[in-house]
Amino acid sequence: MYIHLGNNYIVSAGDIIAILSLEPPVAEEVKEIIEIAKLEKNFSNVSEKGKEKALIICDKGVVLSPISSTTLQKRAFNYLKEV
């Protein structure tokens, strides 16, 4: 099953490692994850600037999403119930 992360961007639910909230205050560790992903070119931002709500860590990279982490976690949980 695939999970829509916003702006027509989808990933396989099985590839998701973590879904983290970007609601303030954002932990320094989360900021560091984003910076490292940018340096390693494993970074995608599928939201408009300033509208990022969630950080999704996947097997192949990191994605910033305009969809809240709560909503994304519900979508992922629905996938787990089906498996």
PDB file of N, CA and C in Angstrom:
ATOM      1  N   MET A   1       0.843  -1.174   0.000  1.00  0.00           N
ATOM      2  CA  MET A   1       0.000   0.000   0.000  1.00  0.00           C
ATOM      3  C   MET A   1       0.888   1.238   0.000  1.00  0.00           C
ATOM      4  N   TYR A   2       0.375   2.291  -0.599  1.00  0.00           N
ATOM      5  CA  TYR A   2       1.102   3.544  -0.698  1.00  0.00           C
ATOM      6  C   TYR A   2       0.429   4.609   0.149  1.00  0.00           C
ATOM      7  N   ILE A   3       1.241   5.550   0.626  1.00  0.00           N
ATOM      8  CA  ILE A   3       0.724   6.640   1.443  1.00  0.00           C
ATOM      9  C   ILE A   3       1.026   7.953   0.735  1.00  0.00           C
ATOM     10  N   HIS A   4      -0.008   8.765   0.576  1.00  0.00           N
ATOM     11  CA  HIS A   4       0.120  10.072  -0.066  1.00  0.00           C
ATOM     12  C   HIS A   4       0.687  11.061   0.948  1.00  0.00           C
ATOM     13  N   LEU A   5       1.799  11.701   0.597  1.00  0.00           N
ATOM     14  CA  LEU A   5       2.464  12.640   1.503  1.00  0.00           C
ATOM     15  C   LEU A   5       2.173  14.095   1.164  1.00  0.00           C
ATOM     16  N   GLY A   6       1.430  14.323   0.106  1.00  0.00           N
ATOM     17  CA  GLY A   6       1.088  15.682  -0.300  1.00  0.00           C
ATOM     18  C   GLY A   6       1.618  15.993  -1.682  1.00  0.00           C
ATOM     19  N   ASN A   7       0.907  16.867  -2.396  1.00  0.00           N
ATOM     20  CA  ASN A   7       1.320  17.335  -3.730  1.00  0.00           C
ATOM     21  C   ASN A   7       1.691  16.193  -4.676  1.00  0.00           C
ATOM     22  N   ASN A   8       0.832  15.181  -4.722  1.00  0.00           N
ATOM     23  CA  ASN A   8       0.984  14.033  -5.614  1.00  0.00           C
ATOM     24  C   ASN A   8       2.266  13.236  -5.375  1.00  0.00           C
ATOM     25  N   TYR A   9       2.771  13.252  -4.172  1.00  0.00           N
ATOM     26  CA  TYR A   9       3.968  12.491  -3.812  1.00  0.00           C
ATOM     27  C   TYR A   9       3.539  11.328  -2.934  1.00  0.00           C
ATOM     28  N   ILE A  10       3.886  10.114  -3.356  1.00  0.00           N
ATOM     29  CA  ILE A  10       3.515   8.927  -2.583  1.00  0.00           C
ATOM     30  C   ILE A  10       4.757   8.084  -2.306  1.00  0.00           C
ATOM     31  N   VAL A  11       4.692   7.326  -1.218  1.00  0.00           N
ATOM     32  CA  VAL A  11       5.746   6.368  -0.889  1.00  0.00           C
ATOM     33  C   VAL A  11       5.076   5.076  -0.441  1.00  0.00           C
ATOM     34  N   SER A  12       5.814   4.018  -0.565  1.00  0.00           N
ATOM     35  CA  SER A  12       5.324   2.738  -0.078  1.00  0.00           C
ATOM     36  C   SER A  12       5.292   2.783   1.449  1.00  0.00           C
ATOM     37  N   ALA A  13       4.206   2.342   2.025  1.00  0.00           N
ATOM     38  CA  ALA A  13       4.074   2.360   3.486  1.00  0.00           C
ATOM     39  C   ALA A  13       5.168   1.539   4.148  1.00  0.00           C
ATOM     40  N   GLY A  14       5.614   0.493   3.498  1.00  0.00           N
ATOM     41  CA  GLY A  14       6.668  -0.348   4.041  1.00  0.00           C
ATOM     42  C   GLY A  14       8.032   0.324   4.074  1.00  0.00           C
ATOM     43  N   ASP A  15       8.199   1.406   3.309  1.00  0.00           N
ATOM     44  CA  ASP A  15       9.473   2.131   3.267  1.00  0.00           C
ATOM     45  C   ASP A  15       9.584   3.185   4.364  1.00  0.00           C
ATOM     46  N   ILE A  16       8.481   3.479   5.048  1.00  0.00           N
ATOM     47  CA  ILE A  16       8.497   4.528   6.064  1.00  0.00           C
ATOM     48  C   ILE A  16       9.117   3.991   7.355  1.00  0.00           C
ATOM     49  N   ILE A  17      10.096   4.740   7.848  1.00  0.00           N
ATOM     50  CA  ILE A  17      10.771   4.385   9.098  1.00  0.00           C
ATOM     51  C   ILE A  17      10.178   5.185  10.251  1.00  0.00           C
ATOM     52  N   ALA A  18       9.955   6.500  10.022  1.00  0.00           N
ATOM     53  CA  ALA A  18       9.434   7.363  11.083  1.00  0.00           C
ATOM     54  C   ALA A  18       8.668   8.531  10.483  1.00  0.00           C
ATOM     55  N   ILE A  19       7.688   9.002  11.249  1.00  0.00           N
ATOM     56  CA  ILE A  19       6.933  10.202  10.907  1.00  0.00           C
ATOM     57  C   ILE A  19       7.048  11.130  12.109  1.00  0.00           C
ATOM     58  N   LEU A  20       7.663  12.294  11.885  1.00  0.00           N
ATOM     59  CA  LEU A  20       7.921  13.231  12.973  1.00  0.00           C
ATOM     60  C   LEU A  20       7.201  14.552  12.732  1.00  0.00           C
ATOM     61  N   SER A  21       6.725  15.146  13.793  1.00  0.00           N
ATOM     62  CA  SER A  21       6.044  16.430  13.711  1.00  0.00           C
ATOM     63  C   SER A  21       7.053  17.562  13.578  1.00  0.00           C
ATOM     64  N   LEU A  22       6.687  18.568  12.782  1.00  0.00           N
ATOM     65  CA  LEU A  22       7.504  19.766  12.654  1.00  0.00           C
ATOM     66  C   LEU A  22       6.838  20.966  13.311  1.00  0.00           C
ATOM     67  N   GLU A  23       5.863  20.698  14.176  1.00  0.00           N
ATOM     68  CA  GLU A  23       5.225  21.781  14.915  1.00  0.00           C
ATOM     69  C   GLU A  23       6.217  22.332  15.934  1.00  0.00           C
ATOM     70  N   PRO A  24       6.274  23.655  16.081  1.00  0.00           N
ATOM     71  CA  PRO A  24       7.220  24.254  17.042  1.00  0.00           C
ATOM     72  C   PRO A  24       6.946  23.799  18.458  1.00  0.00           C
ATOM     73  N   PRO A  25       7.945  23.647  19.274  1.00  0.00           N
ATOM     74  CA  PRO A  25       9.374  23.806  18.949  1.00  0.00           C
ATOM     75  C   PRO A  25       9.925  22.543  18.301  1.00  0.00           C
ATOM     76  N   VAL A  26      10.719  22.717  17.257  1.00  0.00           N
ATOM     77  CA  VAL A  26      11.322  21.590  16.557  1.00  0.00           C
ATOM     78  C   VAL A  26      12.648  21.248  17.234  1.00  0.00           C
ATOM     79  N   ALA A  27      12.819  19.995  17.575  1.00  0.00           N
ATOM     80  CA  ALA A  27      14.036  19.539  18.257  1.00  0.00           C
ATOM     81  C   ALA A  27      15.267  19.727  17.365  1.00  0.00           C
ATOM     82  N   GLU A  28      16.381  19.990  17.990  1.00  0.00           N
ATOM     83  CA  GLU A  28      17.635  20.172  17.257  1.00  0.00           C
ATOM     84  C   GLU A  28      18.000  18.916  16.466  1.00  0.00           C
ATOM     85  N   GLU A  29      17.674  17.753  17.005  1.00  0.00           N
ATOM     86  CA  GLU A  29      17.967  16.497  16.320  1.00  0.00           C
ATOM     87  C   GLU A  29      17.209  16.395  14.997  1.00  0.00           C
ATOM     88  N   VAL A  30      15.973  16.881  14.985  1.00  0.00           N
ATOM     89  CA  VAL A  30      15.164  16.858  13.760  1.00  0.00           C
ATOM     90  C   VAL A  30      15.771  17.802  12.723  1.00  0.00           C
ATOM     91  N   LYS A  31      16.186  18.974  13.158  1.00  0.00           N
ATOM     92  CA  LYS A  31      16.848  19.922  12.245  1.00  0.00           C
ATOM     93  C   LYS A  31      18.124  19.315  11.672  1.00  0.00           C
ATOM     94  N   GLU A  32      18.845  18.578  12.510  1.00  0.00           N
ATOM     95  CA  GLU A  32      20.075  17.930  12.068  1.00  0.00           C
ATOM     96  C   GLU A  32      19.795  16.850  11.023  1.00  0.00           C
ATOM     97  N   ILE A  33      18.726  16.094  11.214  1.00  0.00           N
ATOM     98  CA  ILE A  33      18.339  15.070  10.230  1.00  0.00           C
ATOM     99  C   ILE A  33      18.085  15.714   8.876  1.00  0.00           C
ATOM    100  N   ILE A  34      17.391  16.853   8.876  1.00  0.00           N
ATOM    101  CA  ILE A  34      17.089  17.556   7.624  1.00  0.00           C
ATOM    102  C   ILE A  34      18.379  18.030   6.961  1.00  0.00           C
ATOM    103  N   GLU A  35      19.279  18.622   7.722  1.00  0.00           N
ATOM    104  CA  GLU A  35      20.538  19.127   7.170  1.00  0.00           C
ATOM    105  C   GLU A  35      21.386  17.997   6.590  1.00  0.00           C
ATOM    106  N   ILE A  36      21.472  16.884   7.295  1.00  0.00           N
ATOM    107  CA  ILE A  36      22.250  15.746   6.799  1.00  0.00           C
ATOM    108  C   ILE A  36      21.638  15.206   5.512  1.00  0.00           C
ATOM    109  N   ALA A  37      20.315  15.098   5.462  1.00  0.00           N
ATOM    110  CA  ALA A  37      19.642  14.604   4.253  1.00  0.00           C
ATOM    111  C   ALA A  37      19.902  15.532   3.067  1.00  0.00           C
ATOM    112  N   LYS A  38      19.907  16.842   3.320  1.00  0.00           N
ATOM    113  CA  LYS A  38      20.200  17.800   2.246  1.00  0.00           C
ATOM    114  C   LYS A  38      21.630  17.614   1.743  1.00  0.00           C
ATOM    115  N   LEU A  39      22.566  17.465   2.658  1.00  0.00           N
ATOM    116  CA  LEU A  39      23.967  17.281   2.265  1.00  0.00           C
ATOM    117  C   LEU A  39      24.166  15.999   1.473  1.00  0.00           C
ATOM    118  N   GLU A  40      23.447  14.943   1.841  1.00  0.00           N
ATOM    119  CA  GLU A  40      23.581  13.653   1.171  1.00  0.00           C
ATOM    120  C   GLU A  40      22.675  13.527  -0.048  1.00  0.00           C
ATOM    121  N   LYS A  41      21.935  14.599  -0.339  1.00  0.00           N
ATOM    122  CA  LYS A  41      21.015  14.645  -1.492  1.00  0.00           C
ATOM    123  C   LYS A  41      19.949  13.552  -1.421  1.00  0.00           C
ATOM    124  N   ASN A  42      19.480  13.279  -0.202  1.00  0.00           N
ATOM    125  CA  ASN A  42      18.389  12.333   0.041  1.00  0.00           C
ATOM    126  C   ASN A  42      17.188  13.074   0.606  1.00  0.00           C
ATOM    127  N   PHE A  43      16.904  14.251   0.074  1.00  0.00           N
ATOM    128  CA  PHE A  43      15.922  15.158   0.666  1.00  0.00           C
ATOM    129  C   PHE A  43      14.916  15.595  -0.386  1.00  0.00           C
ATOM    130  N   SER A  44      13.620  15.586  -0.010  1.00  0.00           N
ATOM    131  CA  SER A  44      12.556  16.112  -0.868  1.00  0.00           C
ATOM    132  C   SER A  44      11.627  16.956  -0.015  1.00  0.00           C
ATOM    133  N   ASN A  45      11.272  18.117  -0.525  1.00  0.00           N
ATOM    134  CA  ASN A  45      10.293  18.966   0.143  1.00  0.00           C
ATOM    135  C   ASN A  45       9.094  19.070  -0.778  1.00  0.00           C
ATOM    136  N   VAL A  46       7.990  18.417  -0.408  1.00  0.00           N
ATOM    137  CA  VAL A  46       6.803  18.402  -1.264  1.00  0.00           C
ATOM    138  C   VAL A  46       5.763  19.420  -0.806  1.00  0.00           C
ATOM    139  N   SER A  47       6.169  20.327   0.071  1.00  0.00           N
ATOM    140  CA  SER A  47       5.244  21.354   0.547  1.00  0.00           C
ATOM    141  C   SER A  47       5.765  22.732   0.154  1.00  0.00           C
ATOM    142  N   GLU A  48       4.873  23.713   0.261  1.00  0.00           N
ATOM    143  CA  GLU A  48       5.278  25.087   0.002  1.00  0.00           C
ATOM    144  C   GLU A  48       6.142  25.568   1.155  1.00  0.00           C
ATOM    145  N   LYS A  49       7.019  26.510   0.867  1.00  0.00           N
ATOM    146  CA  LYS A  49       7.912  27.042   1.895  1.00  0.00           C
ATOM    147  C   LYS A  49       7.096  27.600   3.056  1.00  0.00           C
ATOM    148  N   GLY A  50       7.442  27.157   4.268  1.00  0.00           N
ATOM    149  CA  GLY A  50       6.755  27.603   5.464  1.00  0.00           C
ATOM    150  C   GLY A  50       5.510  26.811   5.813  1.00  0.00           C
ATOM    151  N   LYS A  51       5.116  25.860   4.978  1.00  0.00           N
ATOM    152  CA  LYS A  51       3.909  25.056   5.214  1.00  0.00           C
ATOM    153  C   LYS A  51       4.226  23.625   5.637  1.00  0.00           C
ATOM    154  N   GLU A  52       5.494  23.348   5.923  1.00  0.00           N
ATOM    155  CA  GLU A  52       5.899  21.996   6.301  1.00  0.00           C
ATOM    156  C   GLU A  52       5.321  21.642   7.669  1.00  0.00           C
ATOM    157  N   LYS A  53       4.711  20.452   7.757  1.00  0.00           N
ATOM    158  CA  LYS A  53       4.119  20.011   9.017  1.00  0.00           C
ATOM    159  C   LYS A  53       4.683  18.701   9.535  1.00  0.00           C
ATOM    160  N   ALA A  54       5.284  17.922   8.634  1.00  0.00           N
ATOM    161  CA  ALA A  54       5.792  16.610   9.063  1.00  0.00           C
ATOM    162  C   ALA A  54       7.070  16.263   8.324  1.00  0.00           C
ATOM    163  N   LEU A  55       7.902  15.500   9.003  1.00  0.00           N
ATOM    164  CA  LEU A  55       9.129  14.967   8.430  1.00  0.00           C
ATOM    165  C   LEU A  55       8.956  13.461   8.365  1.00  0.00           C
ATOM    166  N   ILE A  56       9.113  12.910   7.178  1.00  0.00           N
ATOM    167  CA  ILE A  56       8.966  11.467   6.996  1.00  0.00           C
ATOM    168  C   ILE A  56      10.340  10.903   6.645  1.00  0.00           C
ATOM    169  N   ILE A  57      10.805   9.976   7.451  1.00  0.00           N
ATOM    170  CA  ILE A  57      12.080   9.319   7.186  1.00  0.00           C
ATOM    171  C   ILE A  57      11.769   7.988   6.517  1.00  0.00           C
ATOM    172  N   CYS A  58      12.290   7.829   5.308  1.00  0.00           N
ATOM    173  CA  CYS A  58      12.055   6.614   4.525  1.00  0.00           C
ATOM    174  C   CYS A  58      13.373   5.889   4.290  1.00  0.00           C
ATOM    175  N   ASP A  59      13.276   4.681   3.760  1.00  0.00           N
ATOM    176  CA  ASP A  59      14.472   3.907   3.439  1.00  0.00           C
ATOM    177  C   ASP A  59      15.404   4.667   2.506  1.00  0.00           C
ATOM    178  N   LYS A  60      14.834   5.413   1.572  1.00  0.00           N
ATOM    179  CA  LYS A  60      15.643   6.054   0.531  1.00  0.00           C
ATOM    180  C   LYS A  60      15.810   7.550   0.701  1.00  0.00           C
ATOM    181  N   GLY A  61      15.344   8.116   1.800  1.00  0.00           N
ATOM    182  CA  GLY A  61      15.516   9.545   1.989  1.00  0.00           C
ATOM    183  C   GLY A  61      14.553  10.140   2.989  1.00  0.00           C
ATOM    184  N   VAL A  62      14.547  11.473   3.001  1.00  0.00           N
ATOM    185  CA  VAL A  62      13.742  12.247   3.943  1.00  0.00           C
ATOM    186  C   VAL A  62      12.810  13.148   3.145  1.00  0.00           C
ATOM    187  N   VAL A  63      11.553  13.248   3.598  1.00  0.00           N
ATOM    188  CA  VAL A  63      10.553  14.052   2.900  1.00  0.00           C
ATOM    189  C   VAL A  63       9.887  15.001   3.887  1.00  0.00           C
ATOM    190  N   LEU A  64       9.761  16.274   3.485  1.00  0.00           N
ATOM    191  CA  LEU A  64       8.974  17.236   4.254  1.00  0.00           C
ATOM    192  C   LEU A  64       7.594  17.304   3.614  1.00  0.00           C
ATOM    193  N   SER A  65       6.561  17.183   4.438  1.00  0.00           N
ATOM    194  CA  SER A  65       5.190  17.115   3.948  1.00  0.00           C
ATOM    195  C   SER A  65       4.326  18.236   4.525  1.00  0.00           C
ATOM    196  N   PRO A  66       3.358  18.714   3.732  1.00  0.00           N
ATOM    197  CA  PRO A  66       2.409  19.704   4.242  1.00  0.00           C
ATOM    198  C   PRO A  66       1.267  19.073   5.036  1.00  0.00           C
ATOM    199  N   ILE A  67       1.250  17.761   5.118  1.00  0.00           N
ATOM    200  CA  ILE A  67       0.197  17.045   5.840  1.00  0.00           C
ATOM    201  C   ILE A  67       0.695  16.772   7.256  1.00  0.00           C
ATOM    202  N   SER A  68      -0.183  16.948   8.233  1.00  0.00           N
ATOM    203  CA  SER A  68       0.230  16.796   9.632  1.00  0.00           C
ATOM    204  C   SER A  68       0.692  15.370   9.923  1.00  0.00           C
ATOM    205  N   SER A  69       1.592  15.273  10.884  1.00  0.00           N
ATOM    206  CA  SER A  69       2.113  13.965  11.266  1.00  0.00           C
ATOM    207  C   SER A  69       1.004  13.059  11.796  1.00  0.00           C
ATOM    208  N   THR A  70       0.023  13.651  12.460  1.00  0.00           N
ATOM    209  CA  THR A  70      -1.104  12.864  12.980  1.00  0.00           C
ATOM    210  C   THR A  70      -1.875  12.204  11.850  1.00  0.00           C
ATOM    211  N   THR A  71      -2.169  12.955  10.810  1.00  0.00           N
ATOM    212  CA  THR A  71      -2.895  12.414   9.658  1.00  0.00           C
ATOM    213  C   THR A  71      -2.078  11.328   8.961  1.00  0.00           C
ATOM    214  N   LEU A  72      -0.790  11.580   8.783  1.00  0.00           N
ATOM    215  CA  LEU A  72       0.062  10.591   8.133  1.00  0.00           C
ATOM    216  C   LEU A  72       0.178   9.314   8.965  1.00  0.00           C
ATOM    217  N   GLN A  73       0.245   9.458  10.284  1.00  0.00           N
ATOM    218  CA  GLN A  73       0.314   8.285  11.145  1.00  0.00           C
ATOM    219  C   GLN A  73      -0.982   7.474  11.065  1.00  0.00           C
ATOM    220  N   LYS A  74      -2.112   8.151  10.963  1.00  0.00           N
ATOM    221  CA  LYS A  74      -3.386   7.432  10.795  1.00  0.00           C
ATOM    222  C   LYS A  74      -3.393   6.650   9.491  1.00  0.00           C
ATOM    223  N   ARG A  75      -2.897   7.274   8.424  1.00  0.00           N
ATOM    224  CA  ARG A  75      -2.834   6.582   7.133  1.00  0.00           C
ATOM    225  C   ARG A  75      -1.929   5.358   7.227  1.00  0.00           C
ATOM    226  N   ALA A  76      -0.788   5.509   7.865  1.00  0.00           N
ATOM    227  CA  ALA A  76       0.141   4.392   8.019  1.00  0.00           C
ATOM    228  C   ALA A  76      -0.453   3.299   8.894  1.00  0.00           C
ATOM    229  N   PHE A  77      -1.169   3.698   9.965  1.00  0.00           N
ATOM    230  CA  PHE A  77      -1.782   2.723  10.853  1.00  0.00           C
ATOM    231  C   PHE A  77      -2.856   1.924  10.123  1.00  0.00           C
ATOM    232  N   ASN A  78      -3.628   2.594   9.266  1.00  0.00           N
ATOM    233  CA  ASN A  78      -4.630   1.882   8.474  1.00  0.00           C
ATOM    234  C   ASN A  78      -3.975   0.832   7.581  1.00  0.00           C
ATOM    235  N   TYR A  79      -2.797   1.136   7.091  1.00  0.00           N
ATOM    236  CA  TYR A  79      -2.064   0.159   6.295  1.00  0.00           C
ATOM    237  C   TYR A  79      -1.695  -1.059   7.149  1.00  0.00           C
ATOM    238  N   LEU A  80      -1.226  -0.802   8.369  1.00  0.00           N
ATOM    239  CA  LEU A  80      -0.816  -1.900   9.237  1.00  0.00           C
ATOM    240  C   LEU A  80      -1.990  -2.794   9.613  1.00  0.00           C
ATOM    241  N   LYS A  81      -3.184  -2.208   9.758  1.00  0.00           N
ATOM    242  CA  LYS A  81      -4.364  -3.012  10.089  1.00  0.00           C
ATOM    243  C   LYS A  81      -4.718  -3.933   8.933  1.00  0.00           C
ATOM    244  N   GLU A  82      -4.399  -3.538   7.680  1.00  0.00           N
ATOM    245  CA  GLU A  82      -4.736  -4.337   6.523  1.00  0.00           C
ATOM    246  C   GLU A  82      -3.772  -5.490   6.312  1.00  0.00           C
ATOM    247  N   VAL A  83      -2.556  -5.344   6.825  1.00  0.00           N
ATOM    248  CA  VAL A  83      -1.515  -6.363   6.593  1.00  0.00           C
ATOM    249  C   VAL A  83      -1.722  -7.562   7.452  1.00  0.00           C
TER     250      VAL A  83
END
